[in-house]
Protein backbone atom coordinates (compact mmCIF):
# COMPACT_ATOMS: atom_id res chain seq x y z
CA MET A 1 0.36 -0.10 0.18
CA ALA A 2 1.21 3.84 -1.04
CA LEU A 3 2.20 5.78 2.21
CA PRO A 4 0.45 8.57 2.18
CA LEU A 5 1.13 11.89 1.14
CA PRO A 6 2.08 15.20 3.92
CA ILE A 7 -0.86 17.69 3.64
CA GLN A 8 -0.92 21.20 5.46
CA ASN A 9 -3.11 21.19 8.69
CA GLY A 10 -2.42 24.83 10.12
CA ASN A 11 -0.66 22.69 12.50
CA TYR A 12 2.93 21.16 13.24
CA GLN A 13 2.71 17.66 11.62
CA ILE A 14 5.05 14.94 13.03
CA PHE A 15 4.71 12.73 10.11
CA PRO A 16 6.07 9.10 10.11
CA PHE A 17 5.37 7.90 6.23
CA PHE A 18 7.63 11.14 4.74
CA THR A 19 9.42 9.50 1.83
CA GLY A 20 10.95 12.50 0.06
CA THR A 21 10.40 13.57 -3.39
CA ASP A 22 14.01 11.64 -4.11
CA ASN A 23 12.04 8.70 -2.53
CA GLY A 24 15.21 8.85 0.01
CA CYS A 25 13.66 6.60 2.29
CA PRO A 26 11.35 4.23 0.38
CA ASN A 27 9.84 3.07 3.85
CA GLY A 28 9.26 5.94 5.44
CA ALA A 29 10.77 8.43 8.04
CA THR A 30 9.05 10.64 10.61
CA PHE A 31 9.51 14.66 9.49
CA LEU A 32 8.35 17.30 12.13
CA LEU A 33 6.72 19.05 8.73
CA PRO A 34 5.45 23.16 9.11
CA PRO A 35 1.93 24.59 9.58
CA GLN A 36 1.21 25.69 6.19
CA PHE A 37 3.63 24.02 2.82
CA THR A 38 2.49 22.83 -0.30
CA TYR A 39 3.71 18.90 -0.98
CA GLY A 40 3.44 17.20 -4.43
CA THR A 41 5.87 15.49 -7.12
CA THR A 42 6.51 18.92 -8.38
CA PRO A 43 8.79 20.37 -5.52
CA GLN A 44 7.10 23.37 -3.99
CA PRO A 45 9.34 26.38 -2.50
CA ILE A 46 8.99 28.12 0.94
CA VAL A 47 8.91 32.17 1.17
CA VAL A 48 9.49 33.54 4.21
CA GLN A 49 8.65 37.51 4.75
CA ILE A 50 9.80 39.22 7.99
CA LYS A 51 9.05 43.32 8.61
CA LEU A 52 11.19 45.76 9.73
CA LEU A 53 14.42 44.70 9.03
CA TRP A 54 15.22 46.41 6.29
CA LEU A 55 17.86 49.18 6.88
CA GLY A 56 19.72 49.87 3.04
CA GLY A 57 16.39 52.05 1.24
CA SER A 58 16.91 51.95 -2.50
CA GLN A 59 20.71 50.69 -1.94
CA SER A 60 21.41 48.69 -4.31
CA TYR A 61 23.12 44.87 -3.17
CA THR A 62 23.90 41.69 -4.31
CA PRO A 63 21.29 38.98 -2.82
CA PRO A 64 22.46 36.15 -1.41
CA ALA A 65 21.66 33.13 -2.80
CA ASN A 66 22.85 29.56 -2.99
CA THR A 67 20.76 26.28 -4.52
CA ASP A 68 18.36 26.17 -1.57
CA PHE A 69 18.01 29.85 -0.01
CA THR A 70 17.36 33.24 -1.86
CA PHE A 71 17.58 36.65 -0.12
CA ALA A 72 15.36 39.57 -1.87
CA THR A 73 13.26 42.48 -0.67
CA VAL A 74 9.85 43.58 -1.96
CA HIS A 75 7.43 46.15 -0.65
CA ASP A 76 5.31 45.32 1.99
CA PRO A 77 1.62 45.69 0.26
CA ASN A 78 0.21 46.74 3.76
CA GLN A 79 2.33 50.07 3.57
CA PRO A 80 2.36 52.96 1.64
CA SER A 81 4.20 53.13 -1.95
CA GLY A 82 7.14 55.16 -1.79
CA PRO A 83 10.92 55.00 -1.69
CA PRO A 84 12.03 51.49 0.63
CA THR A 85 12.26 52.28 3.87
CA GLN A 86 12.40 49.98 7.38
CA ALA A 87 9.06 50.37 7.76
CA ASN A 88 7.75 49.26 4.07
CA THR A 89 10.01 46.75 3.13
CA LEU A 90 10.06 43.28 3.51
CA VAL A 91 13.06 41.06 4.03
CA GLN A 92 11.91 37.55 1.30
CA ILE A 93 13.27 34.44 2.13
CA THR A 94 12.33 32.06 -0.20
CA LEU A 95 13.44 28.20 0.63
CA ASN A 96 13.47 26.16 -2.91
CA ALA A 97 12.89 23.25 -3.11
CA ALA A 98 16.53 21.91 -3.92
CA ASN A 99 17.05 19.83 -1.08
CA MET A 100 14.69 20.23 1.77
CA TRP A 101 11.41 17.86 0.51
CA LYS A 102 14.27 15.29 -0.01
CA CYS A 103 14.94 12.65 2.50
CA ALA A 104 18.74 10.58 2.06
CA ALA A 105 21.12 11.85 3.82
CA ALA A 106 23.39 13.32 1.00
CA ALA A 107 20.52 16.21 0.44
CA ARG A 108 20.03 16.62 4.39
CA ALA A 109 23.29 17.31 4.31
CA GLN A 110 23.49 19.63 1.73
CA LEU A 111 20.83 21.38 3.28
CA MET A 112 22.38 22.23 6.19
CA ALA A 113 25.58 23.29 4.47
CA ASN A 114 23.98 25.29 2.63
CA PHE A 115 22.06 27.01 5.65
CA THR A 116 25.03 27.47 7.30
CA ALA A 117 26.74 29.34 4.20
CA PHE A 118 23.81 31.40 3.31
CA LEU A 119 23.22 33.15 7.25
CA GLN A 120 27.24 33.60 7.08
CA ALA A 121 26.54 35.55 4.13
CA ILE A 122 23.26 37.40 4.80
CA GLU A 123 25.93 38.59 7.94
CA SER A 124 28.84 39.65 6.50
CA THR A 125 27.57 41.26 3.13
CA LEU A 126 24.72 42.97 4.69
CA GLU A 127 24.34 43.21 8.54
CA LEU A 128 27.82 44.06 8.65
CA ALA A 129 28.02 46.07 5.53
CA SER A 130 29.27 49.86 6.03
CA PRO A 131 26.63 50.84 6.19
CA PRO A 132 24.66 48.57 7.31
CA LEU A 133 22.15 47.64 5.22
CA LEU A 134 19.90 45.11 8.19
CA ILE A 135 19.05 45.56 11.54
CA PRO A 136 21.90 44.41 13.98
CA GLY A 137 20.39 41.03 14.86
CA ALA A 138 18.91 40.14 11.73
CA THR A 139 20.35 37.82 10.79
CA TYR A 140 19.61 35.38 14.00
CA ARG A 141 15.96 36.44 13.72
CA ILE A 142 16.36 34.90 9.71
CA GLY A 143 17.93 32.01 11.01
CA GLN A 144 14.79 31.66 13.12
CA ALA A 145 12.32 32.22 10.83
CA ILE A 146 13.35 29.42 8.20
CA ALA A 147 14.04 27.22 11.36
CA ASP A 148 10.37 27.70 11.50
CA TRP A 149 9.68 26.53 8.42
CA LEU A 150 11.70 24.18 7.00
CA PRO A 151 10.81 19.80 7.01
CA ALA A 152 12.85 18.76 8.63
CA PRO A 153 13.97 14.76 10.64
CA PRO A 154 13.22 15.66 13.97
CA LEU A 155 17.20 16.02 15.72
CA GLU A 156 18.13 17.88 12.25
CA THR A 157 15.37 20.56 13.75
CA LEU A 158 17.96 21.11 16.68
CA PHE A 159 20.67 22.15 13.80
CA TYR A 160 18.93 24.96 12.39
CA ARG A 161 17.44 26.55 16.40
CA PHE A 162 20.80 25.86 17.96
CA SER A 163 23.20 25.17 15.95
CA LEU A 164 23.82 21.25 16.97
CA SER A 165 25.87 18.72 15.47
CA PRO A 166 25.74 15.49 17.54
CA GLY A 167 28.84 13.97 16.27
CA LEU A 168 27.70 10.51 14.69
CA ALA A 169 28.66 11.42 11.44
CA ALA A 170 31.61 10.08 10.77
CA GLY A 171 34.18 13.41 10.82
CA THR A 172 32.00 15.24 12.57
CA THR A 173 32.08 17.30 16.10
CA PRO A 174 29.56 17.16 18.86
CA TYR A 175 28.67 21.26 19.06
CA VAL A 176 26.23 23.78 20.14
CA ASP A 177 25.09 27.47 20.24
CA ILE A 178 24.95 29.07 23.36
CA ARG A 179 22.64 32.13 23.01
CA PRO A 180 20.22 34.10 25.05
CA GLY A 181 17.09 32.81 26.99
CA MET A 182 19.37 29.67 27.95
CA GLN A 183 21.72 28.69 30.95
CA LEU A 184 24.25 26.79 30.61
CA ARG A 185 24.99 24.16 33.69
CA LEU A 186 28.54 22.96 34.86
CA ASP A 187 28.72 19.68 36.50
CA THR A 188 31.67 19.82 37.99
CA GLN A 189 34.02 17.98 39.92
CA VAL A 190 36.93 18.00 42.38
CA SER A 191 39.70 15.97 43.12
CA GLN A 192 40.18 13.70 46.29
CA TYR A 193 42.90 12.09 47.73
CA ILE A 194 42.48 9.17 49.94
CA SER A 195 46.50 7.60 50.32
CA PRO A 196 48.95 6.49 48.04
CA GLN A 197 48.04 4.21 45.39
CA SER A 198 44.57 4.40 46.47
CA PRO A 199 41.87 3.38 44.10
CA LEU A 200 39.42 5.98 45.30
CA ASP A 201 42.44 9.39 44.43
CA GLY A 202 41.25 10.71 41.50
CA TYR A 203 38.21 13.10 40.83
CA VAL A 204 34.38 12.96 42.08
CA SER A 205 31.44 14.10 41.95
CA ASN A 206 31.11 17.78 42.72
CA ASN A 207 27.66 20.55 42.45
CA SER A 208 26.09 21.96 39.51
CA GLN A 209 26.31 25.32 38.86
CA ARG A 210 23.63 27.59 36.30
CA ILE A 211 24.99 30.20 34.42
CA ILE A 212 21.99 32.27 32.50
CA VAL A 213 23.05 33.78 29.54
CA GLY A 214 21.76 36.26 28.20
CA SER A 215 22.20 39.17 26.11
CA VAL A 216 23.40 42.91 26.42
CA PRO A 217 24.26 45.91 24.04
CA SER A 218 26.99 47.02 22.00
CA ALA A 219 28.45 50.39 21.03
CA ASN A 220 27.57 49.62 17.28
CA GLY A 221 23.76 48.21 18.15
CA ARG A 222 24.78 44.57 18.06
CA ARG A 223 23.41 42.18 21.06
CA LEU A 224 26.78 40.45 22.98
CA VAL A 225 25.93 37.28 24.81
CA GLY A 226 26.49 37.90 28.77
CA PHE A 227 27.22 34.95 31.01
CA ASP A 228 24.96 36.26 34.28
CA PRO A 229 22.73 39.66 33.75
CA PHE A 230 24.42 40.88 36.94
CA LEU A 231 28.16 40.38 36.16
CA SER A 232 27.58 41.73 32.23
CA THR A 233 25.81 44.91 33.79
CA ILE A 234 28.86 46.18 36.19
CA LYS A 235 32.46 46.58 35.83
CA SER A 236 33.74 43.06 36.84
CA PRO A 237 37.10 42.79 37.78
CA THR A 238 40.18 41.82 35.81
CA ILE A 239 41.55 38.89 36.39
CA THR A 240 44.52 38.83 36.92
CA GLY A 241 48.52 36.51 36.11
CA PRO A 242 49.47 35.03 33.37
CA ALA A 243 47.17 34.92 30.28
CA SER A 244 46.53 31.37 28.83
CA SER A 245 45.29 29.96 25.99
CA PRO A 246 43.02 28.43 25.86
CA ILE A 247 41.25 30.41 28.73
CA VAL A 248 41.22 28.87 32.07
CA ALA A 249 37.69 29.05 33.94
CA GLY A 250 37.10 28.41 37.69
CA GLY A 251 33.60 29.88 37.54
CA THR A 252 31.51 32.45 35.97
CA ILE A 253 33.56 35.32 37.38
CA ASP A 254 36.24 34.37 34.56
CA LEU A 255 33.43 34.77 31.31
CA GLN A 256 33.77 38.15 31.95
CA PRO A 257 34.34 41.00 30.90
CA THR A 258 37.22 39.80 28.41
CA ALA A 259 35.63 36.57 27.59
CA GLY A 260 32.26 37.55 27.24
CA ALA A 261 32.30 40.07 25.28
CA ARG A 262 31.38 37.96 21.83
CA THR A 263 28.64 37.96 19.60
CA TYR A 264 28.63 34.03 19.08
CA TRP A 265 29.70 31.46 21.75
CA ARG A 266 29.19 27.43 20.98
CA LEU A 267 29.63 24.71 22.92
CA PHE A 268 32.54 21.82 21.64
CA TYR A 269 32.68 18.12 23.59
CA PRO A 270 35.97 16.28 22.58
CA PRO A 271 36.06 12.71 21.51
CA SER A 272 37.55 11.87 24.45
CA ILE A 273 38.16 13.12 28.13
CA SER A 274 40.57 11.61 30.86
CA ALA A 275 39.70 9.22 33.17
CA PRO A 276 39.04 10.12 36.69
CA THR A 277 41.62 8.87 38.15
CA THR A 278 44.25 10.46 36.09
CA PRO A 279 45.04 14.22 36.56
CA GLY A 280 44.27 15.29 33.06
CA ASP A 281 45.48 18.69 30.81
CA LEU A 282 43.54 21.79 29.92
CA ALA A 283 44.05 20.74 25.93
CA ILE A 284 41.53 22.49 23.74
CA ALA A 285 41.01 18.69 22.58
CA ASP A 286 40.57 16.81 26.05
CA ASN A 287 38.20 18.96 27.04
CA VAL A 288 34.70 20.82 27.20
CA VAL A 289 35.16 23.88 25.23
CA LEU A 290 33.37 27.25 24.99
CA VAL A 291 34.59 29.22 21.69
CA GLY A 292 33.79 32.88 21.55
CA ALA A 293 34.10 34.47 18.30
CA ALA A 294 32.84 37.76 16.83
CA THR A 295 31.01 36.54 13.43
CA LEU A 296 29.72 33.73 11.92
CA ALA A 297 32.45 33.75 9.40
CA TYR A 298 35.04 33.20 12.72
CA LEU A 299 32.79 30.80 14.83
CA ASN A 300 32.20 28.80 11.43
CA ALA A 301 36.51 28.82 10.54
CA ALA A 302 37.09 27.85 14.56
CA THR A 303 34.08 24.81 13.66
CA THR A 304 36.16 23.68 10.31
CA SER A 305 40.02 23.89 12.25
CA TYR A 306 38.66 22.27 15.49
CA PRO A 307 40.40 21.55 17.37
CA ASN A 308 42.75 24.28 16.52
CA ILE A 309 40.66 27.44 17.17
CA GLY A 310 42.54 30.44 15.94
CA SER A 311 42.15 33.86 17.12
CA GLY A 312 40.97 36.29 14.29
CA GLY A 313 38.47 38.63 14.11
CA THR A 314 37.87 42.07 16.23
CA PRO A 315 37.12 41.38 19.22
CA PRO A 316 39.70 38.11 19.00
CA THR A 317 37.95 34.39 18.87
CA ILE A 318 39.08 32.95 22.41
CA ALA A 319 38.77 29.43 24.22
CA VAL A 320 37.68 28.49 27.44
CA VAL A 321 37.85 25.51 29.03
CA PHE A 322 36.63 24.91 32.73
CA LEU A 323 38.48 23.18 35.58
CA GLY A 324 37.44 20.06 37.58
CA ARG A 325 37.19 17.99 34.46
CA ALA A 326 33.34 20.15 34.06
CA ILE A 327 30.73 18.79 31.65
CA ALA A 328 28.68 22.12 30.16
CA VAL A 329 24.97 21.50 29.10
CA PRO A 330 22.76 24.47 27.69
CA GLU A 331 19.48 24.40 28.71
CA ILE A 332 16.35 25.91 27.42
CA PRO A 333 12.92 27.19 29.14
CA VAL A 334 9.85 25.74 28.56
CA THR A 335 6.70 25.21 30.42
CA ILE A 336 5.29 21.75 31.63
CA VAL A 337 1.30 21.66 32.76
CA GLN A 338 0.42 18.95 34.19
CA ASN A 339 -3.12 18.43 34.63
CA PRO A 340 -5.58 21.35 32.98
CA VAL A 341 -8.25 21.06 34.62
CA ASN A 342 -6.24 22.40 38.13
CA ALA A 343 -3.49 24.54 35.94
CA ILE A 344 -0.33 23.08 37.09
CA SER A 345 2.03 24.98 35.20
CA ALA A 346 5.62 25.72 35.65
CA LEU A 347 8.65 27.07 33.98
CA GLN A 348 11.04 24.98 33.39
CA TYR A 349 15.05 24.94 31.83
CA VAL A 350 15.51 21.21 30.32
CA PRO A 351 18.89 20.00 28.25
CA ILE A 352 18.80 20.81 24.71
CA GLY A 353 17.76 17.74 23.02
CA THR A 354 15.13 16.70 25.56
CA THR A 355 12.14 15.69 23.44
CA ILE A 356 7.80 15.35 23.78
CA ALA A 357 8.52 11.88 24.97
CA ASN A 358 10.92 12.70 27.44
CA VAL A 359 7.98 14.86 29.39
CA VAL A 360 5.19 12.72 28.96
CA GLU A 361 6.85 10.05 30.15
CA ARG A 362 7.05 11.52 33.25
CA PHE A 363 3.61 11.47 34.23
CA SER A 364 2.09 8.49 31.85
CA PRO A 365 3.22 5.16 29.44
CA LEU A 366 3.78 6.95 25.99
CA LEU A 367 0.34 7.10 24.05
CA LEU A 368 -0.53 4.76 22.23
CA ASP A 369 -4.29 5.21 21.30
CA LYS A 370 -5.20 7.80 18.78
CA SER A 371 -8.51 8.96 20.04
CA GLN A 372 -6.35 9.90 23.06
CA LEU A 373 -3.94 12.75 21.29
CA GLN A 374 -5.76 15.89 22.11
CA THR A 375 -7.04 14.80 25.67
CA ILE A 376 -3.26 13.24 27.17
CA MET A 377 -1.23 15.51 24.91
CA VAL A 378 -1.28 18.62 23.76
CA THR A 379 1.51 20.55 22.66
CA ARG A 380 1.63 24.09 21.44
CA ARG A 381 4.76 25.84 19.72
CA MET A 382 5.27 29.73 19.94
CA SER A 383 5.42 30.80 15.97
CA GLY A 384 7.67 33.97 14.83
CA GLU A 385 6.78 35.07 11.25
CA ILE A 386 4.81 31.57 10.52
CA VAL A 387 1.42 32.08 11.04
CA THR A 388 -0.55 35.69 13.10
CA SER A 389 -2.05 33.56 15.55
CA SER A 390 0.47 33.55 19.19
CA SER A 391 0.91 29.41 18.81
CA VAL A 392 0.36 26.49 17.05
CA SER A 393 0.08 22.66 17.95
CA VAL A 394 3.04 19.94 17.81
CA ALA A 395 0.66 17.21 16.79
CA PRO A 396 1.18 13.41 15.43
CA SER A 397 -0.28 13.49 11.86
CA LEU A 398 -0.67 9.69 11.42
CA GLY A 399 -2.70 9.46 7.66
CA PRO A 400 -6.04 7.39 7.19
CA PRO A 401 -7.56 5.12 9.86
CA SER A 402 -6.12 1.95 8.03
CA ALA A 403 -2.38 3.52 8.36
CA LEU A 404 -1.19 2.74 11.45
CA PRO A 405 -3.37 0.98 13.74
CA ALA A 406 -1.20 2.54 16.88
CA ILE A 407 0.63 5.67 17.28
CA PRO A 408 4.76 4.12 17.07
CA SER A 409 6.19 5.76 19.83
CA SER A 410 9.15 7.27 17.55
CA VAL A 411 6.50 10.51 16.82
CA TRP A 412 7.26 11.33 20.47
CA ASP A 413 11.05 11.77 20.11
CA VAL A 414 10.44 15.31 18.47
CA PRO A 415 12.87 17.48 20.55
CA LEU A 416 11.66 21.22 22.51
CA ILE A 417 12.52 23.92 21.43
CA SER A 418 12.63 27.52 23.74
CA GLY A 419 8.98 28.41 24.55
CA ASP A 420 7.27 25.49 24.22
CA VAL A 421 4.27 24.56 25.92
CA VAL A 422 3.61 20.58 26.56
CA THR A 423 0.39 20.02 28.52
CA VAL A 424 -0.13 16.34 30.21
CA SER A 425 -3.06 14.72 31.27
CA PRO A 426 -2.16 11.67 32.91
CA ALA A 427 -3.90 8.68 31.24
CA THR A 428 -7.51 7.36 32.64
CA SER A 429 -6.67 3.75 30.49
């Protein structure tokens, strides 16, 4: 029997039958599809229009473009005609159908590479132009708007949201961006000494420290990433002593102010870490490391050359490792509502990679009965430029009744993003 084709329904669809226009997944794969799209044998692009980003007036420019993404400016039909201004000009991003509707691994990899290159080109040629053609921070806004629309396998959606590379493919490194609104959890260890040659000598678990990640203004209007709002506000104490590369951090204070004044931060995980019974070292290749860079170009260059980070840019690219065999985990805010009748809700920070399944499992077994979808679990996602409503549902789309007799557990493995609201009512059967 032929697998069902996706049809837009105004909500995010967790669609387990996706084969791709290339038939790259002939047995069907789970994809997260946007609320609005047109699918068919002829690939269809998606057009995203964003207000209030354009500063360039009538100035000519070379629009960034590649096979997957195209930049343009158009007049806002809801505004009076006249010369282009910030008020009457829309930034129009076209998500071309070259790869986004394909399912094969090579096509997905090319789409991610083109996404990275497209944003870097927008920042370098438009946002950082002299004079600037886009408002400060426009590149990030455009990237998140694209992430709202791109159809993708669940794990891949975290690449467009947070630049997450899981490092599972050969030759790749695990990394993720640290962005305002997150918390950075540091799980530290201390070294204990029992006696000479004791098997209990070594690093043991200590406590966790959570650093609030926010943003601070800069002289040119761009937002810089700050670690802890208070320490980002005051003139922090100068750290005395000889400089080191990478910077060695004992705590939050070592990220301020010299290390903290960067537009971008990326967290890298090494291929291996020293055993707890060995002294270890402070090399970038052997520790979790935070890399700060002034632009996407320098951040991407550091990523390509990792663990040889380099020091280009103004201010220069820097690398920070933490003492104490530390592990760093970025966390994002989501709202979890238990039993909506009594409205028991809580804002929680969860690690990036937390899925709908991880939340539902706190209260109930994963759902199998399709009739319970709307009564047991509801997930809503804030919409950026995608629709006019404040949020849209994220729910499985399981096709006609004959397609699947029960809900496959894989459809719940959709990662949450910042601002998601998950409502769970304990199952009664």
